[in-house]
């Protein structure tokens, strides 16, 4: 009986470790009213319409963002190790780690203008209907933090 209880406890621990973070999977639409406005070059601009589709597994998160400019896809390894991904914005060396139910992606993006530190924190509301991404970037103007709120479609 003790062996059975130990096996059940071990399986529960493994299951908990495998699903340590939230599942951000789904289609999400930017809630411009509750998000920080983006700057669209000199003078700023109207909030962009953004639809984001996220798929997740225990080892990877894929984010597809669709805007008026087109669709971009980024795949993040969720193994806690340094990884590299290339995108339109340049090469990103990052680490993705779970902190409770939030996922923090931090690293350095290399562009034509040099290396720029960045951090994105993905968090889900208790009811699973609101995804918030808080981005902190360092650029020519110093450090900026921006919050994007997405509603589940």
C-alpha atoms as a PDB file:
ATOM      1  CA  UNK A   1       0.000   0.000   0.000  1.00  0.00           C
ATOM      2  CA  UNK A   2       2.872   2.371   0.830  1.00  0.00           C
ATOM      3  CA  UNK A   3       4.437   1.692  -2.578  1.00  0.00           C
ATOM      4  CA  UNK A   4       1.174   2.592  -4.331  1.00  0.00           C
ATOM      5  CA  UNK A   5       0.887   5.831  -2.351  1.00  0.00           C
ATOM      6  CA  UNK A   6       4.495   6.734  -3.140  1.00  0.00           C
ATOM      7  CA  UNK A   7       3.946   6.037  -6.844  1.00  0.00           C
ATOM      8  CA  UNK A   8       0.809   8.198  -6.880  1.00  0.00           C
ATOM      9  CA  UNK A   9       2.648  11.023  -5.084  1.00  0.00           C
ATOM     10  CA  UNK A  10       5.544  10.803  -7.553  1.00  0.00           C
ATOM     11  CA  UNK A  11       3.173  10.927 -10.530  1.00  0.00           C
ATOM     12  CA  UNK A  12       1.386  13.965  -9.113  1.00  0.00           C
ATOM     13  CA  UNK A  13       4.720  15.740  -8.647  1.00  0.00           C
ATOM     14  CA  UNK A  14       5.709  14.994 -12.253  1.00  0.00           C
ATOM     15  CA  UNK A  15       2.335  16.159 -13.558  1.00  0.00           C
ATOM     16  CA  UNK A  16       2.618  19.376 -11.572  1.00  0.00           C
ATOM     17  CA  UNK A  17       6.130  20.019 -12.908  1.00  0.00           C
ATOM     18  CA  UNK A  18       5.033  19.370 -16.505  1.00  0.00           C
ATOM     19  CA  UNK A  19       2.211  21.901 -16.222  1.00  0.00           C
ATOM     20  CA  UNK A  20       3.969  24.438 -14.001  1.00  0.00           C
ATOM     21  CA  UNK A  21       2.816  27.423 -16.044  1.00  0.00           C
ATOM     22  CA  UNK A  22      -0.364  28.763 -17.523  1.00  0.00           C
ATOM     23  CA  UNK A  23      -1.651  27.721 -20.944  1.00  0.00           C
ATOM     24  CA  UNK A  24      -1.841  30.831 -23.137  1.00  0.00           C
ATOM     25  CA  UNK A  25      -3.193  28.877 -26.132  1.00  0.00           C
ATOM     26  CA  UNK A  26      -5.950  30.531 -28.118  1.00  0.00           C
ATOM     27  CA  UNK A  27      -6.775  33.485 -30.317  1.00  0.00           C
ATOM     28  CA  UNK A  28      -6.418  36.867 -28.662  1.00  0.00           C
ATOM     29  CA  UNK A  29      -7.517  40.362 -29.765  1.00  0.00           C
ATOM     30  CA  UNK A  30      -5.775  43.511 -28.528  1.00  0.00           C
ATOM     31  CA  UNK A  31      -7.875  45.554 -26.098  1.00  0.00           C
ATOM     32  CA  UNK A  32      -6.597  48.989 -27.135  1.00  0.00           C
ATOM     33  CA  UNK A  33      -8.594  50.810 -24.440  1.00  0.00           C
ATOM     34  CA  UNK A  34      -6.789  48.926 -21.644  1.00  0.00           C
ATOM     35  CA  UNK A  35      -3.363  48.771 -23.322  1.00  0.00           C
ATOM     36  CA  UNK A  36      -0.585  51.324 -23.450  1.00  0.00           C
ATOM     37  CA  UNK A  37      -0.532  53.060 -26.812  1.00  0.00           C
ATOM     38  CA  UNK A  38       2.279  52.256 -29.203  1.00  0.00           C
ATOM     39  CA  UNK A  39       4.310  54.904 -30.929  1.00  0.00           C
ATOM     40  CA  UNK A  40       4.172  54.614 -34.696  1.00  0.00           C
ATOM     41  CA  UNK A  41       7.206  56.776 -35.447  1.00  0.00           C
ATOM     42  CA  UNK A  42       7.299  60.577 -35.045  1.00  0.00           C
ATOM     43  CA  UNK A  43       4.032  61.914 -33.697  1.00  0.00           C
ATOM     44  CA  UNK A  44       2.742  58.509 -32.575  1.00  0.00           C
ATOM     45  CA  UNK A  45      -0.328  56.998 -34.122  1.00  0.00           C
ATOM     46  CA  UNK A  46      -3.625  55.298 -33.565  1.00  0.00           C
ATOM     47  CA  UNK A  47      -3.677  52.023 -31.642  1.00  0.00           C
ATOM     48  CA  UNK A  48      -2.938  49.169 -34.007  1.00  0.00           C
ATOM     49  CA  UNK A  49      -5.378  46.312 -34.480  1.00  0.00           C
ATOM     50  CA  UNK A  50      -3.582  43.167 -33.382  1.00  0.00           C
ATOM     51  CA  UNK A  51      -4.760  39.569 -33.380  1.00  0.00           C
ATOM     52  CA  UNK A  52      -2.499  37.031 -31.754  1.00  0.00           C
ATOM     53  CA  UNK A  53      -2.721  33.252 -31.934  1.00  0.00           C
ATOM     54  CA  UNK A  54      -0.766  31.275 -29.349  1.00  0.00           C
ATOM     55  CA  UNK A  55      -0.160  27.541 -29.373  1.00  0.00           C
ATOM     56  CA  UNK A  56       1.645  25.818 -26.543  1.00  0.00           C
ATOM     57  CA  UNK A  57       3.129  22.491 -25.617  1.00  0.00           C
ATOM     58  CA  UNK A  58       5.139  21.536 -22.555  1.00  0.00           C
ATOM     59  CA  UNK A  59       8.344  22.539 -24.401  1.00  0.00           C
ATOM     60  CA  UNK A  60       7.399  25.352 -26.802  1.00  0.00           C
ATOM     61  CA  UNK A  61       5.202  28.425 -27.274  1.00  0.00           C
ATOM     62  CA  UNK A  62       4.438  29.701 -30.778  1.00  0.00           C
ATOM     63  CA  UNK A  63       3.091  33.247 -31.156  1.00  0.00           C
ATOM     64  CA  UNK A  64       1.561  34.448 -34.441  1.00  0.00           C
ATOM     65  CA  UNK A  65       0.796  38.189 -34.507  1.00  0.00           C
ATOM     66  CA  UNK A  66      -1.324  39.672 -37.265  1.00  0.00           C
ATOM     67  CA  UNK A  67      -1.441  43.437 -37.835  1.00  0.00           C
ATOM     68  CA  UNK A  68      -2.111  45.711 -40.795  1.00  0.00           C
ATOM     69  CA  UNK A  69       1.549  45.114 -41.760  1.00  0.00           C
ATOM     70  CA  UNK A  70       1.137  41.325 -41.974  1.00  0.00           C
ATOM     71  CA  UNK A  71       1.723  38.265 -39.820  1.00  0.00           C
ATOM     72  CA  UNK A  72       4.850  37.346 -37.906  1.00  0.00           C
ATOM     73  CA  UNK A  73       5.598  34.082 -36.114  1.00  0.00           C
ATOM     74  CA  UNK A  74       7.941  33.549 -33.185  1.00  0.00           C
ATOM     75  CA  UNK A  75       8.664  30.216 -31.496  1.00  0.00           C
ATOM     76  CA  UNK A  76       9.991  30.180 -27.952  1.00  0.00           C
ATOM     77  CA  UNK A  77      11.578  27.146 -26.280  1.00  0.00           C
ATOM     78  CA  UNK A  78      10.300  26.818 -22.706  1.00  0.00           C
ATOM     79  CA  UNK A  79      13.287  24.896 -21.351  1.00  0.00           C
ATOM     80  CA  UNK A  80      14.812  27.668 -19.209  1.00  0.00           C
ATOM     81  CA  UNK A  81      18.023  27.636 -21.267  1.00  0.00           C
ATOM     82  CA  UNK A  82      19.439  30.363 -23.501  1.00  0.00           C
ATOM     83  CA  UNK A  83      18.026  30.042 -27.004  1.00  0.00           C
ATOM     84  CA  UNK A  84      18.218  32.091 -30.196  1.00  0.00           C
ATOM     85  CA  UNK A  85      15.415  33.000 -32.568  1.00  0.00           C
ATOM     86  CA  UNK A  86      15.504  35.224 -35.665  1.00  0.00           C
ATOM     87  CA  UNK A  87      12.703  37.543 -36.684  1.00  0.00           C
ATOM     88  CA  UNK A  88      12.083  40.731 -38.650  1.00  0.00           C
ATOM     89  CA  UNK A  89      13.266  42.717 -35.621  1.00  0.00           C
ATOM     90  CA  UNK A  90      16.653  40.970 -35.535  1.00  0.00           C
ATOM     91  CA  UNK A  91      18.171  38.060 -33.682  1.00  0.00           C
ATOM     92  CA  UNK A  92      16.950  37.445 -30.135  1.00  0.00           C
ATOM     93  CA  UNK A  93      18.969  35.521 -27.551  1.00  0.00           C
ATOM     94  CA  UNK A  94      16.530  34.755 -24.752  1.00  0.00           C
ATOM     95  CA  UNK A  95      15.652  32.628 -21.770  1.00  0.00           C
ATOM     96  CA  UNK A  96      12.032  31.690 -21.013  1.00  0.00           C
ATOM     97  CA  UNK A  97      11.275  30.823 -17.390  1.00  0.00           C
ATOM     98  CA  UNK A  98       8.077  30.215 -15.447  1.00  0.00           C
ATOM     99  CA  UNK A  99       7.435  32.270 -12.334  1.00  0.00           C
ATOM    100  CA  UNK A 100       4.266  30.782 -10.894  1.00  0.00           C
ATOM    101  CA  UNK A 101       1.607  31.232 -13.574  1.00  0.00           C
ATOM    102  CA  UNK A 102       3.580  33.888 -15.474  1.00  0.00           C
ATOM    103  CA  UNK A 103       6.100  33.306 -18.247  1.00  0.00           C
ATOM    104  CA  UNK A 104       9.092  35.670 -18.394  1.00  0.00           C
ATOM    105  CA  UNK A 105      11.068  35.914 -21.624  1.00  0.00           C
ATOM    106  CA  UNK A 106      14.228  37.953 -21.170  1.00  0.00           C
ATOM    107  CA  UNK A 107      17.231  38.472 -23.347  1.00  0.00           C
ATOM    108  CA  UNK A 108      18.981  40.674 -25.868  1.00  0.00           C
ATOM    109  CA  UNK A 109      17.861  41.554 -29.393  1.00  0.00           C
ATOM    110  CA  UNK A 110      20.632  42.315 -31.881  1.00  0.00           C
ATOM    111  CA  UNK A 111      19.622  44.790 -34.599  1.00  0.00           C
ATOM    112  CA  UNK A 112      21.366  47.138 -37.003  1.00  0.00           C
ATOM    113  CA  UNK A 113      21.390  49.666 -34.152  1.00  0.00           C
ATOM    114  CA  UNK A 114      23.167  47.316 -31.740  1.00  0.00           C
ATOM    115  CA  UNK A 115      22.135  45.113 -28.845  1.00  0.00           C
ATOM    116  CA  UNK A 116      18.957  45.950 -26.934  1.00  0.00           C
ATOM    117  CA  UNK A 117      17.920  44.236 -23.684  1.00  0.00           C
ATOM    118  CA  UNK A 118      14.277  43.226 -23.418  1.00  0.00           C
ATOM    119  CA  UNK A 119      11.897  41.433 -21.114  1.00  0.00           C
ATOM    120  CA  UNK A 120       8.318  40.269 -21.724  1.00  0.00           C
ATOM    121  CA  UNK A 121       6.086  38.876 -18.995  1.00  0.00           C
ATOM    122  CA  UNK A 122       3.013  36.896 -20.113  1.00  0.00           C
ATOM    123  CA  UNK A 123       0.266  36.513 -17.495  1.00  0.00           C
ATOM    124  CA  UNK A 124      -3.281  35.195 -17.622  1.00  0.00           C
ATOM    125  CA  UNK A 125      -6.285  36.409 -15.635  1.00  0.00           C
ATOM    126  CA  UNK A 126      -7.864  34.020 -13.151  1.00  0.00           C
ATOM    127  CA  UNK A 127     -10.764  33.266 -15.501  1.00  0.00           C
ATOM    128  CA  UNK A 128      -8.411  32.698 -18.480  1.00  0.00           C
ATOM    129  CA  UNK A 129     -10.111  35.361 -20.636  1.00  0.00           C
ATOM    130  CA  UNK A 130      -7.479  38.117 -20.462  1.00  0.00           C
ATOM    131  CA  UNK A 131      -3.803  37.810 -21.430  1.00  0.00           C
ATOM    132  CA  UNK A 132      -1.498  40.646 -20.378  1.00  0.00           C
ATOM    133  CA  UNK A 133       1.972  41.099 -21.846  1.00  0.00           C
ATOM    134  CA  UNK A 134       4.213  43.590 -20.064  1.00  0.00           C
ATOM    135  CA  UNK A 135       7.230  44.483 -22.214  1.00  0.00           C
ATOM    136  CA  UNK A 136      10.309  46.310 -20.978  1.00  0.00           C
ATOM    137  CA  UNK A 137      12.818  47.423 -23.581  1.00  0.00           C
ATOM    138  CA  UNK A 138      15.935  49.558 -23.532  1.00  0.00           C
ATOM    139  CA  UNK A 139      16.626  51.737 -26.542  1.00  0.00           C
ATOM    140  CA  UNK A 140      17.996  55.129 -27.519  1.00  0.00           C
ATOM    141  CA  UNK A 141      15.383  56.835 -25.326  1.00  0.00           C
ATOM    142  CA  UNK A 142      16.256  54.698 -22.289  1.00  0.00           C
ATOM    143  CA  UNK A 143      14.067  52.036 -20.687  1.00  0.00           C
ATOM    144  CA  UNK A 144      10.371  51.871 -21.571  1.00  0.00           C
ATOM    145  CA  UNK A 145       7.665  49.588 -20.247  1.00  0.00           C
ATOM    146  CA  UNK A 146       4.467  48.912 -22.157  1.00  0.00           C
ATOM    147  CA  UNK A 147       1.437  46.838 -21.248  1.00  0.00           C
ATOM    148  CA  UNK A 148      -0.653  45.071 -23.891  1.00  0.00           C
ATOM    149  CA  UNK A 149      -3.985  43.546 -22.865  1.00  0.00           C
ATOM    150  CA  UNK A 150      -5.580  40.888 -25.060  1.00  0.00           C
ATOM    151  CA  UNK A 151      -9.096  39.444 -24.778  1.00  0.00           C
ATOM    152  CA  UNK A 152      -9.749  35.827 -25.703  1.00  0.00           C
ATOM    153  CA  UNK A 153     -11.743  35.526 -28.902  1.00  0.00           C
END
